[in-house]
Amino acid sequence: MMCQQLAEGTRWTRCGHFQRHLVVAIVDCNTKRCERSVYHPSGCRLPTCAKNFGQQIERDIDRADDYCWVCRAAQERAVRR
């Protein structure tokens, strides 16, 4: 288990992708083996401790009835081939 970022952003409904605008909070996993947790000992040097955040939690603040920029660019490239 690892700490997670709670992100707010746009959900592109046609492709389902999420465009993050802002990280609004950190959800603490409350474990000693995660370097992002407040429970991780400050002097710990164990290489087995998690160093990164886990999968972000996505909160949709708006929805766009379209494909995201990346998907639209891929579609345009495919048409040109």
C-alpha atoms as a PDB file:
ATOM      1  CA  MET A   1       0.000   0.000   0.000  1.00  0.00           C
ATOM      2  CA  MET A   2       1.204   3.512  -0.808  1.00  0.00           C
ATOM      3  CA  CYS A   3       0.005   7.053  -0.243  1.00  0.00           C
ATOM      4  CA  GLN A   4      -2.094   8.482  -3.062  1.00  0.00           C
ATOM      5  CA  GLN A   5      -2.652  11.904  -4.576  1.00  0.00           C
ATOM      6  CA  LEU A   6      -6.242  13.105  -4.847  1.00  0.00           C
ATOM      7  CA  ALA A   7      -6.445  14.933  -8.183  1.00  0.00           C
ATOM      8  CA  GLU A   8      -9.193  17.055  -9.672  1.00  0.00           C
ATOM      9  CA  GLY A   9      -9.563  17.404 -13.413  1.00  0.00           C
ATOM     10  CA  THR A  10     -11.468  16.913 -16.634  1.00  0.00           C
ATOM     11  CA  ARG A  11     -12.869  13.557 -17.767  1.00  0.00           C
ATOM     12  CA  TRP A  12     -12.986  13.185 -21.558  1.00  0.00           C
ATOM     13  CA  THR A  13     -16.107  11.059 -22.001  1.00  0.00           C
ATOM     14  CA  ARG A  14     -15.464   9.684 -25.487  1.00  0.00           C
ATOM     15  CA  CYS A  15     -12.100   8.103 -24.604  1.00  0.00           C
ATOM     16  CA  GLY A  16     -12.420   8.004 -20.805  1.00  0.00           C
ATOM     17  CA  HIS A  17      -9.064   9.693 -20.180  1.00  0.00           C
ATOM     18  CA  PHE A  18      -8.519  12.037 -17.242  1.00  0.00           C
ATOM     19  CA  GLN A  19      -6.680  15.352 -17.496  1.00  0.00           C
ATOM     20  CA  ARG A  20      -5.351  16.394 -14.092  1.00  0.00           C
ATOM     21  CA  HIS A  21      -5.583  20.086 -13.216  1.00  0.00           C
ATOM     22  CA  LEU A  22      -4.660  20.094  -9.549  1.00  0.00           C
ATOM     23  CA  VAL A  23      -3.629  17.777  -6.727  1.00  0.00           C
ATOM     24  CA  VAL A  24      -5.869  18.836  -3.844  1.00  0.00           C
ATOM     25  CA  ALA A  25      -4.834  16.370  -1.132  1.00  0.00           C
ATOM     26  CA  ILE A  26      -2.602  13.475  -0.201  1.00  0.00           C
ATOM     27  CA  VAL A  27      -4.310  10.360   1.167  1.00  0.00           C
ATOM     28  CA  ASP A  28      -1.956   8.848   3.735  1.00  0.00           C
ATOM     29  CA  CYS A  29      -1.655   5.046   3.712  1.00  0.00           C
ATOM     30  CA  ASN A  30      -0.573   5.090   7.381  1.00  0.00           C
ATOM     31  CA  THR A  31       2.246   2.576   6.916  1.00  0.00           C
ATOM     32  CA  LYS A  32       5.831   2.732   8.144  1.00  0.00           C
ATOM     33  CA  ARG A  33       7.145   1.313   4.868  1.00  0.00           C
ATOM     34  CA  CYS A  34       5.967   4.201   2.666  1.00  0.00           C
ATOM     35  CA  GLU A  35       8.311   7.202   2.508  1.00  0.00           C
ATOM     36  CA  ARG A  36       5.348   9.515   1.783  1.00  0.00           C
ATOM     37  CA  SER A  37       3.488   8.549   4.964  1.00  0.00           C
ATOM     38  CA  VAL A  38       3.689  10.564   8.170  1.00  0.00           C
ATOM     39  CA  TYR A  39       4.343   7.238   9.930  1.00  0.00           C
ATOM     40  CA  HIS A  40       7.582   6.553   8.022  1.00  0.00           C
ATOM     41  CA  PRO A  41      10.555   6.888  10.387  1.00  0.00           C
ATOM     42  CA  SER A  42      12.681   9.914   9.448  1.00  0.00           C
ATOM     43  CA  GLY A  43      15.998   8.038   9.700  1.00  0.00           C
ATOM     44  CA  CYS A  44      14.881   4.948   7.757  1.00  0.00           C
ATOM     45  CA  ARG A  45      17.256   3.795   5.014  1.00  0.00           C
ATOM     46  CA  LEU A  46      15.559   0.532   4.021  1.00  0.00           C
ATOM     47  CA  PRO A  47      15.573   0.068   0.230  1.00  0.00           C
ATOM     48  CA  THR A  48      12.267  -1.835   0.411  1.00  0.00           C
ATOM     49  CA  CYS A  49      10.197   1.199   1.462  1.00  0.00           C
ATOM     50  CA  ALA A  50       7.833   2.593  -1.176  1.00  0.00           C
ATOM     51  CA  LYS A  51       9.259   5.818  -2.588  1.00  0.00           C
ATOM     52  CA  ASN A  52       6.525   6.977  -4.932  1.00  0.00           C
ATOM     53  CA  PHE A  53       2.826   7.665  -4.701  1.00  0.00           C
ATOM     54  CA  GLY A  54       0.392   4.930  -5.631  1.00  0.00           C
ATOM     55  CA  GLN A  55      -2.219   5.309  -8.358  1.00  0.00           C
ATOM     56  CA  GLN A  56      -3.855   8.712  -8.139  1.00  0.00           C
ATOM     57  CA  ILE A  57      -7.468   9.090  -7.098  1.00  0.00           C
ATOM     58  CA  GLU A  58      -9.289  10.956  -9.859  1.00  0.00           C
ATOM     59  CA  ARG A  59     -12.121  13.347  -9.014  1.00  0.00           C
ATOM     60  CA  ASP A  60     -13.982  14.680 -12.037  1.00  0.00           C
ATOM     61  CA  ILE A  61     -14.751  18.377 -11.694  1.00  0.00           C
ATOM     62  CA  ASP A  62     -16.026  18.638 -15.249  1.00  0.00           C
ATOM     63  CA  ARG A  63     -16.695  16.420 -18.235  1.00  0.00           C
ATOM     64  CA  ALA A  64     -15.978  17.104 -21.884  1.00  0.00           C
ATOM     65  CA  ASP A  65     -18.056  15.235 -24.454  1.00  0.00           C
ATOM     66  CA  ASP A  66     -15.074  14.761 -26.743  1.00  0.00           C
ATOM     67  CA  TYR A  67     -11.788  12.883 -27.120  1.00  0.00           C
ATOM     68  CA  CYS A  68      -8.765  14.126 -25.179  1.00  0.00           C
ATOM     69  CA  TRP A  69      -5.954  15.992 -26.956  1.00  0.00           C
ATOM     70  CA  VAL A  70      -3.761  12.890 -27.217  1.00  0.00           C
ATOM     71  CA  CYS A  71      -6.521  10.747 -28.706  1.00  0.00           C
ATOM     72  CA  ARG A  72      -7.495  13.483 -31.174  1.00  0.00           C
ATOM     73  CA  ALA A  73      -3.876  13.828 -32.312  1.00  0.00           C
ATOM     74  CA  ALA A  74      -3.606  10.045 -32.752  1.00  0.00           C
ATOM     75  CA  GLN A  75      -6.808  10.010 -34.798  1.00  0.00           C
ATOM     76  CA  GLU A  76      -5.497  12.805 -37.039  1.00  0.00           C
ATOM     77  CA  ARG A  77      -2.190  10.951 -37.568  1.00  0.00           C
ATOM     78  CA  ALA A  78      -4.089   7.774 -38.468  1.00  0.00           C
ATOM     79  CA  VAL A  79      -6.163   9.645 -41.071  1.00  0.00           C
ATOM     80  CA  ARG A  80      -3.029  11.062 -42.720  1.00  0.00           C
ATOM     81  CA  ARG A  81      -1.437   7.629 -43.208  1.00  0.00           C
END
